[in-house]
Amino acid sequence: MNKNEIEDELRPEYDLQSLQVRKLGSGRKRFCDTVRLEPDVIAAFPNAEAVNEALRYLIEVAKRTNSLTNKAKL
């Protein structure tokens, strides 16, 4: 039996015409990384890069503050 002789076992209720192709690679949207911002926060930042920069700065400040706090306890 060759490939042309294989019987199609797909159920009739499956509509292959309505299927959508998923993007692969770097252009694919990662839904797990999506965050919803409140309107006032959106107004303060022009784009995602600005939000990321501000959050990275906040993380760095928190790390420095935490290390200073830990040194003061000694």
PDB file of N, CA and C in Angstrom:
ATOM      1  N   MET A   1       0.857  -1.190   0.000  1.00  0.00           N
ATOM      2  CA  MET A   1       0.000   0.000   0.000  1.00  0.00           C
ATOM      3  C   MET A   1       0.894   1.242   0.000  1.00  0.00           C
ATOM      4  N   ASN A   2       0.701   2.145  -0.949  1.00  0.00           N
ATOM      5  CA  ASN A   2       1.483   3.375  -0.985  1.00  0.00           C
ATOM      6  C   ASN A   2       0.666   4.531  -0.395  1.00  0.00           C
ATOM      7  N   LYS A   3       1.250   5.732  -0.362  1.00  0.00           N
ATOM      8  CA  LYS A   3       0.596   6.893   0.256  1.00  0.00           C
ATOM      9  C   LYS A   3      -0.749   7.221  -0.386  1.00  0.00           C
ATOM     10  N   ASN A   4      -0.880   7.027  -1.655  1.00  0.00           N
ATOM     11  CA  ASN A   4      -2.116   7.354  -2.359  1.00  0.00           C
ATOM     12  C   ASN A   4      -3.263   6.416  -2.018  1.00  0.00           C
ATOM     13  N   GLU A   5      -2.951   5.244  -1.515  1.00  0.00           N
ATOM     14  CA  GLU A   5      -3.970   4.260  -1.206  1.00  0.00           C
ATOM     15  C   GLU A   5      -4.443   4.301   0.246  1.00  0.00           C
ATOM     16  N   ILE A   6      -3.824   5.148   1.083  1.00  0.00           N
ATOM     17  CA  ILE A   6      -4.201   5.224   2.494  1.00  0.00           C
ATOM     18  C   ILE A   6      -5.592   5.844   2.604  1.00  0.00           C
ATOM     19  N   GLU A   7      -6.415   5.208   3.401  1.00  0.00           N
ATOM     20  CA  GLU A   7      -7.788   5.681   3.572  1.00  0.00           C
ATOM     21  C   GLU A   7      -7.821   6.881   4.518  1.00  0.00           C
ATOM     22  N   ASP A   8      -8.621   7.870   4.183  1.00  0.00           N
ATOM     23  CA  ASP A   8      -8.779   9.060   5.007  1.00  0.00           C
ATOM     24  C   ASP A   8      -9.675   8.722   6.189  1.00  0.00           C
ATOM     25  N   GLU A   9      -9.149   8.910   7.424  1.00  0.00           N
ATOM     26  CA  GLU A   9      -9.905   8.574   8.621  1.00  0.00           C
ATOM     27  C   GLU A   9     -10.429   9.811   9.350  1.00  0.00           C
ATOM     28  N   LEU A  10     -10.370  10.958   8.722  1.00  0.00           N
ATOM     29  CA  LEU A  10     -10.808  12.190   9.368  1.00  0.00           C
ATOM     30  C   LEU A  10     -12.326  12.208   9.479  1.00  0.00           C
ATOM     31  N   ARG A  11     -12.809  12.528  10.652  1.00  0.00           N
ATOM     32  CA  ARG A  11     -14.247  12.574  10.872  1.00  0.00           C
ATOM     33  C   ARG A  11     -14.884  13.697  10.064  1.00  0.00           C
ATOM     34  N   PRO A  12     -16.107  13.518   9.613  1.00  0.00           N
ATOM     35  CA  PRO A  12     -16.760  14.547   8.790  1.00  0.00           C
ATOM     36  C   PRO A  12     -17.038  15.847   9.543  1.00  0.00           C
ATOM     37  N   GLU A  13     -17.121  15.803  10.884  1.00  0.00           N
ATOM     38  CA  GLU A  13     -17.413  17.036  11.633  1.00  0.00           C
ATOM     39  C   GLU A  13     -16.225  17.999  11.717  1.00  0.00           C
ATOM     40  N   TYR A  14     -15.032  17.535  11.340  1.00  0.00           N
ATOM     41  CA  TYR A  14     -13.869  18.403  11.339  1.00  0.00           C
ATOM     42  C   TYR A  14     -13.836  19.215  10.051  1.00  0.00           C
ATOM     43  N   ASP A  15     -13.806  20.543  10.194  1.00  0.00           N
ATOM     44  CA  ASP A  15     -13.802  21.432   9.039  1.00  0.00           C
ATOM     45  C   ASP A  15     -12.390  21.974   8.843  1.00  0.00           C
ATOM     46  N   LEU A  16     -11.668  21.427   7.919  1.00  0.00           N
ATOM     47  CA  LEU A  16     -10.281  21.847   7.684  1.00  0.00           C
ATOM     48  C   LEU A  16     -10.195  23.237   7.058  1.00  0.00           C
ATOM     49  N   GLN A  17     -11.251  23.708   6.458  1.00  0.00           N
ATOM     50  CA  GLN A  17     -11.240  25.033   5.826  1.00  0.00           C
ATOM     51  C   GLN A  17     -11.199  26.152   6.863  1.00  0.00           C
ATOM     52  N   SER A  18     -11.687  25.895   8.079  1.00  0.00           N
ATOM     53  CA  SER A  18     -11.737  26.953   9.094  1.00  0.00           C
ATOM     54  C   SER A  18     -10.494  26.985   9.980  1.00  0.00           C
ATOM     55  N   LEU A  19      -9.558  26.073   9.773  1.00  0.00           N
ATOM     56  CA  LEU A  19      -8.347  26.054  10.596  1.00  0.00           C
ATOM     57  C   LEU A  19      -7.466  27.255  10.280  1.00  0.00           C
ATOM     58  N   GLN A  20      -6.784  27.755  11.307  1.00  0.00           N
ATOM     59  CA  GLN A  20      -5.861  28.870  11.132  1.00  0.00           C
ATOM     60  C   GLN A  20      -4.432  28.385  11.350  1.00  0.00           C
ATOM     61  N   VAL A  21      -3.501  28.966  10.629  1.00  0.00           N
ATOM     62  CA  VAL A  21      -2.094  28.615  10.751  1.00  0.00           C
ATOM     63  C   VAL A  21      -1.481  29.431  11.882  1.00  0.00           C
ATOM     64  N   ARG A  22      -0.783  28.753  12.778  1.00  0.00           N
ATOM     65  CA  ARG A  22      -0.110  29.437  13.877  1.00  0.00           C
ATOM     66  C   ARG A  22       1.251  29.933  13.415  1.00  0.00           C
ATOM     67  N   LYS A  23       1.621  31.111  13.892  1.00  0.00           N
ATOM     68  CA  LYS A  23       2.944  31.633  13.580  1.00  0.00           C
ATOM     69  C   LYS A  23       3.988  30.849  14.356  1.00  0.00           C
ATOM     70  N   LEU A  24       5.105  30.617  13.741  1.00  0.00           N
ATOM     71  CA  LEU A  24       6.218  29.950  14.398  1.00  0.00           C
ATOM     72  C   LEU A  24       7.395  30.897  14.463  1.00  0.00           C
ATOM     73  N   GLY A  25       8.225  30.730  15.452  1.00  0.00           N
ATOM     74  CA  GLY A  25       9.439  31.524  15.553  1.00  0.00           C
ATOM     75  C   GLY A  25       9.244  32.798  16.351  1.00  0.00           C
ATOM     76  N   SER A  26      10.087  33.788  16.086  1.00  0.00           N
ATOM     77  CA  SER A  26      10.115  35.008  16.894  1.00  0.00           C
ATOM     78  C   SER A  26       8.871  35.874  16.715  1.00  0.00           C
ATOM     79  N   GLY A  27       8.157  35.735  15.607  1.00  0.00           N
ATOM     80  CA  GLY A  27       6.957  36.529  15.379  1.00  0.00           C
ATOM     81  C   GLY A  27       5.743  36.028  16.116  1.00  0.00           C
ATOM     82  N   ARG A  28       5.865  34.879  16.757  1.00  0.00           N
ATOM     83  CA  ARG A  28       4.745  34.274  17.475  1.00  0.00           C
ATOM     84  C   ARG A  28       4.493  35.005  18.777  1.00  0.00           C
ATOM     85  N   LYS A  29       3.252  35.324  19.029  1.00  0.00           N
ATOM     86  CA  LYS A  29       2.897  36.030  20.254  1.00  0.00           C
ATOM     87  C   LYS A  29       2.898  35.053  21.419  1.00  0.00           C
ATOM     88  N   ARG A  30       3.511  35.455  22.501  1.00  0.00           N
ATOM     89  CA  ARG A  30       3.543  34.629  23.703  1.00  0.00           C
ATOM     90  C   ARG A  30       2.505  35.170  24.668  1.00  0.00           C
ATOM     91  N   PHE A  31       1.412  34.454  24.806  1.00  0.00           N
ATOM     92  CA  PHE A  31       0.312  34.943  25.614  1.00  0.00           C
ATOM     93  C   PHE A  31       0.614  34.924  27.103  1.00  0.00           C
ATOM     94  N   CYS A  32       1.542  34.086  27.526  1.00  0.00           N
ATOM     95  CA  CYS A  32       1.847  34.022  28.951  1.00  0.00           C
ATOM     96  C   CYS A  32       2.574  35.287  29.421  1.00  0.00           C
ATOM     97  N   ASP A  33       3.143  36.071  28.516  1.00  0.00           N
ATOM     98  CA  ASP A  33       3.869  37.276  28.886  1.00  0.00           C
ATOM     99  C   ASP A  33       3.015  38.539  28.794  1.00  0.00           C
ATOM    100  N   THR A  34       1.742  38.390  28.513  1.00  0.00           N
ATOM    101  CA  THR A  34       0.872  39.545  28.354  1.00  0.00           C
ATOM    102  C   THR A  34       0.413  40.050  29.716  1.00  0.00           C
ATOM    103  N   VAL A  35       0.502  41.344  29.914  1.00  0.00           N
ATOM    104  CA  VAL A  35       0.081  41.982  31.158  1.00  0.00           C
ATOM    105  C   VAL A  35      -0.877  43.108  30.820  1.00  0.00           C
ATOM    106  N   ARG A  36      -1.944  43.227  31.571  1.00  0.00           N
ATOM    107  CA  ARG A  36      -2.891  44.322  31.360  1.00  0.00           C
ATOM    108  C   ARG A  36      -2.536  45.484  32.286  1.00  0.00           C
ATOM    109  N   LEU A  37      -2.381  46.656  31.691  1.00  0.00           N
ATOM    110  CA  LEU A  37      -2.066  47.852  32.459  1.00  0.00           C
ATOM    111  C   LEU A  37      -3.320  48.711  32.601  1.00  0.00           C
ATOM    112  N   GLU A  38      -3.420  49.392  33.714  1.00  0.00           N
ATOM    113  CA  GLU A  38      -4.526  50.317  33.943  1.00  0.00           C
ATOM    114  C   GLU A  38      -4.322  51.559  33.069  1.00  0.00           C
ATOM    115  N   PRO A  39      -5.402  52.253  32.724  1.00  0.00           N
ATOM    116  CA  PRO A  39      -5.297  53.421  31.832  1.00  0.00           C
ATOM    117  C   PRO A  39      -4.335  54.504  32.316  1.00  0.00           C
ATOM    118  N   ASP A  40      -4.265  54.755  33.632  1.00  0.00           N
ATOM    119  CA  ASP A  40      -3.360  55.787  34.133  1.00  0.00           C
ATOM    120  C   ASP A  40      -1.895  55.392  33.941  1.00  0.00           C
ATOM    121  N   VAL A  41      -1.608  54.106  34.031  1.00  0.00           N
ATOM    122  CA  VAL A  41      -0.246  53.627  33.806  1.00  0.00           C
ATOM    123  C   VAL A  41       0.089  53.712  32.321  1.00  0.00           C
ATOM    124  N   ILE A  42      -0.856  53.336  31.478  1.00  0.00           N
ATOM    125  CA  ILE A  42      -0.657  53.428  30.029  1.00  0.00           C
ATOM    126  C   ILE A  42      -0.354  54.866  29.621  1.00  0.00           C
ATOM    127  N   ALA A  43      -1.035  55.817  30.239  1.00  0.00           N
ATOM    128  CA  ALA A  43      -0.837  57.228  29.906  1.00  0.00           C
ATOM    129  C   ALA A  43       0.578  57.710  30.258  1.00  0.00           C
ATOM    130  N   ALA A  44       1.208  57.063  31.239  1.00  0.00           N
ATOM    131  CA  ALA A  44       2.531  57.486  31.680  1.00  0.00           C
ATOM    132  C   ALA A  44       3.666  56.934  30.816  1.00  0.00           C
ATOM    133  N   PHE A  45       3.394  55.908  30.034  1.00  0.00           N
ATOM    134  CA  PHE A  45       4.439  55.264  29.240  1.00  0.00           C
ATOM    135  C   PHE A  45       4.044  55.220  27.774  1.00  0.00           C
ATOM    136  N   PRO A  46       4.943  55.656  26.884  1.00  0.00           N
ATOM    137  CA  PRO A  46       4.609  55.696  25.463  1.00  0.00           C
ATOM    138  C   PRO A  46       4.602  54.330  24.777  1.00  0.00           C
ATOM    139  N   ASN A  47       5.362  53.346  25.324  1.00  0.00           N
ATOM    140  CA  ASN A  47       5.458  52.041  24.670  1.00  0.00           C
ATOM    141  C   ASN A  47       5.958  50.988  25.657  1.00  0.00           C
ATOM    142  N   ALA A  48       6.005  49.743  25.194  1.00  0.00           N
ATOM    143  CA  ALA A  48       6.423  48.624  26.049  1.00  0.00           C
ATOM    144  C   ALA A  48       7.875  48.765  26.501  1.00  0.00           C
ATOM    145  N   GLU A  49       8.729  49.298  25.640  1.00  0.00           N
ATOM    146  CA  GLU A  49      10.144  49.457  26.010  1.00  0.00           C
ATOM    147  C   GLU A  49      10.292  50.384  27.207  1.00  0.00           C
ATOM    148  N   ALA A  50       9.485  51.452  27.245  1.00  0.00           N
ATOM    149  CA  ALA A  50       9.547  52.397  28.371  1.00  0.00           C
ATOM    150  C   ALA A  50       9.082  51.737  29.658  1.00  0.00           C
ATOM    151  N   VAL A  51       8.059  50.915  29.581  1.00  0.00           N
ATOM    152  CA  VAL A  51       7.577  50.191  30.762  1.00  0.00           C
ATOM    153  C   VAL A  51       8.657  49.244  31.260  1.00  0.00           C
ATOM    154  N   ASN A  52       9.265  48.487  30.342  1.00  0.00           N
ATOM    155  CA  ASN A  52      10.326  47.555  30.736  1.00  0.00           C
ATOM    156  C   ASN A  52      11.513  48.273  31.353  1.00  0.00           C
ATOM    157  N   GLU A  53      11.906  49.402  30.795  1.00  0.00           N
ATOM    158  CA  GLU A  53      13.019  50.176  31.342  1.00  0.00           C
ATOM    159  C   GLU A  53      12.711  50.647  32.764  1.00  0.00           C
ATOM    160  N   ALA A  54      11.500  51.147  32.978  1.00  0.00           N
ATOM    161  CA  ALA A  54      11.111  51.618  34.304  1.00  0.00           C
ATOM    162  C   ALA A  54      11.080  50.475  35.310  1.00  0.00           C
ATOM    163  N   LEU A  55      10.576  49.334  34.900  1.00  0.00           N
ATOM    164  CA  LEU A  55      10.519  48.186  35.809  1.00  0.00           C
ATOM    165  C   LEU A  55      11.911  47.659  36.135  1.00  0.00           C
ATOM    166  N   ARG A  56      12.802  47.632  35.137  1.00  0.00           N
ATOM    167  CA  ARG A  56      14.180  47.204  35.407  1.00  0.00           C
ATOM    168  C   ARG A  56      14.870  48.156  36.385  1.00  0.00           C
ATOM    169  N   TYR A  57      14.617  49.441  36.231  1.00  0.00           N
ATOM    170  CA  TYR A  57      15.187  50.429  37.156  1.00  0.00           C
ATOM    171  C   TYR A  57      14.639  50.195  38.566  1.00  0.00           C
ATOM    172  N   LEU A  58      13.354  49.951  38.664  1.00  0.00           N
ATOM    173  CA  LEU A  58      12.739  49.692  39.967  1.00  0.00           C
ATOM    174  C   LEU A  58      13.317  48.428  40.610  1.00  0.00           C
ATOM    175  N   ILE A  59      13.546  47.398  39.816  1.00  0.00           N
ATOM    176  CA  ILE A  59      14.151  46.167  40.332  1.00  0.00           C
ATOM    177  C   ILE A  59      15.548  46.453  40.870  1.00  0.00           C
ATOM    178  N   GLU A  60      16.334  47.235  40.127  1.00  0.00           N
ATOM    179  CA  GLU A  60      17.699  47.570  40.565  1.00  0.00           C
ATOM    180  C   GLU A  60      17.669  48.370  41.872  1.00  0.00           C
ATOM    181  N   VAL A  61      16.775  49.332  41.975  1.00  0.00           N
ATOM    182  CA  VAL A  61      16.648  50.126  43.205  1.00  0.00           C
ATOM    183  C   VAL A  61      16.267  49.221  44.371  1.00  0.00           C
ATOM    184  N   ALA A  62      15.338  48.307  44.140  1.00  0.00           N
ATOM    185  CA  ALA A  62      14.905  47.398  45.205  1.00  0.00           C
ATOM    186  C   ALA A  62      16.064  46.509  45.660  1.00  0.00           C
ATOM    187  N   LYS A  63      16.884  46.024  44.720  1.00  0.00           N
ATOM    188  CA  LYS A  63      18.036  45.196  45.075  1.00  0.00           C
ATOM    189  C   LYS A  63      19.033  45.990  45.916  1.00  0.00           C
ATOM    190  N   ARG A  64      19.314  47.226  45.485  1.00  0.00           N
ATOM    191  CA  ARG A  64      20.273  48.061  46.226  1.00  0.00           C
ATOM    192  C   ARG A  64      19.739  48.403  47.608  1.00  0.00           C
ATOM    193  N   THR A  65      18.472  48.737  47.689  1.00  0.00           N
ATOM    194  CA  THR A  65      17.866  49.065  48.971  1.00  0.00           C
ATOM    195  C   THR A  65      17.901  47.854  49.897  1.00  0.00           C
ATOM    196  N   ASN A  66      17.614  46.686  49.353  1.00  0.00           N
ATOM    197  CA  ASN A  66      17.625  45.465  50.143  1.00  0.00           C
ATOM    198  C   ASN A  66      19.027  45.157  50.645  1.00  0.00           C
ATOM    199  N   SER A  67      20.043  45.331  49.790  1.00  0.00           N
ATOM    200  CA  SER A  67      21.411  45.057  50.225  1.00  0.00           C
ATOM    201  C   SER A  67      21.864  46.070  51.270  1.00  0.00           C
ATOM    202  N   LEU A  68      21.441  47.334  51.165  1.00  0.00           N
ATOM    203  CA  LEU A  68      21.774  48.334  52.186  1.00  0.00           C
ATOM    204  C   LEU A  68      21.080  48.008  53.501  1.00  0.00           C
ATOM    205  N   THR A  69      19.849  47.576  53.442  1.00  0.00           N
ATOM    206  CA  THR A  69      19.088  47.199  54.640  1.00  0.00           C
ATOM    207  C   THR A  69      19.738  46.021  55.330  1.00  0.00           C
ATOM    208  N   ASN A  70      20.174  45.026  54.542  1.00  0.00           N
ATOM    209  CA  ASN A  70      20.827  43.852  55.127  1.00  0.00           C
ATOM    210  C   ASN A  70      22.152  44.211  55.770  1.00  0.00           C
ATOM    211  N   LYS A  71      22.930  45.151  55.186  1.00  0.00           N
ATOM    212  CA  LYS A  71      24.200  45.585  55.778  1.00  0.00           C
ATOM    213  C   LYS A  71      23.961  46.335  57.082  1.00  0.00           C
ATOM    214  N   ALA A  72      22.878  47.112  57.163  1.00  0.00           N
ATOM    215  CA  ALA A  72      22.586  47.894  58.363  1.00  0.00           C
ATOM    216  C   ALA A  72      22.202  46.978  59.521  1.00  0.00           C
ATOM    217  N   LYS A  73      21.663  45.812  59.241  1.00  0.00           N
ATOM    218  CA  LYS A  73      21.252  44.870  60.293  1.00  0.00           C
ATOM    219  C   LYS A  73      22.458  44.203  60.944  1.00  0.00           C
ATOM    220  N   LEU A  74      23.599  44.151  60.246  1.00  0.00           N
ATOM    221  CA  LEU A  74      24.790  43.481  60.769  1.00  0.00           C
ATOM    222  C   LEU A  74      25.446  44.258  61.821  1.00  0.00           C
TER     223      LEU A  74
END
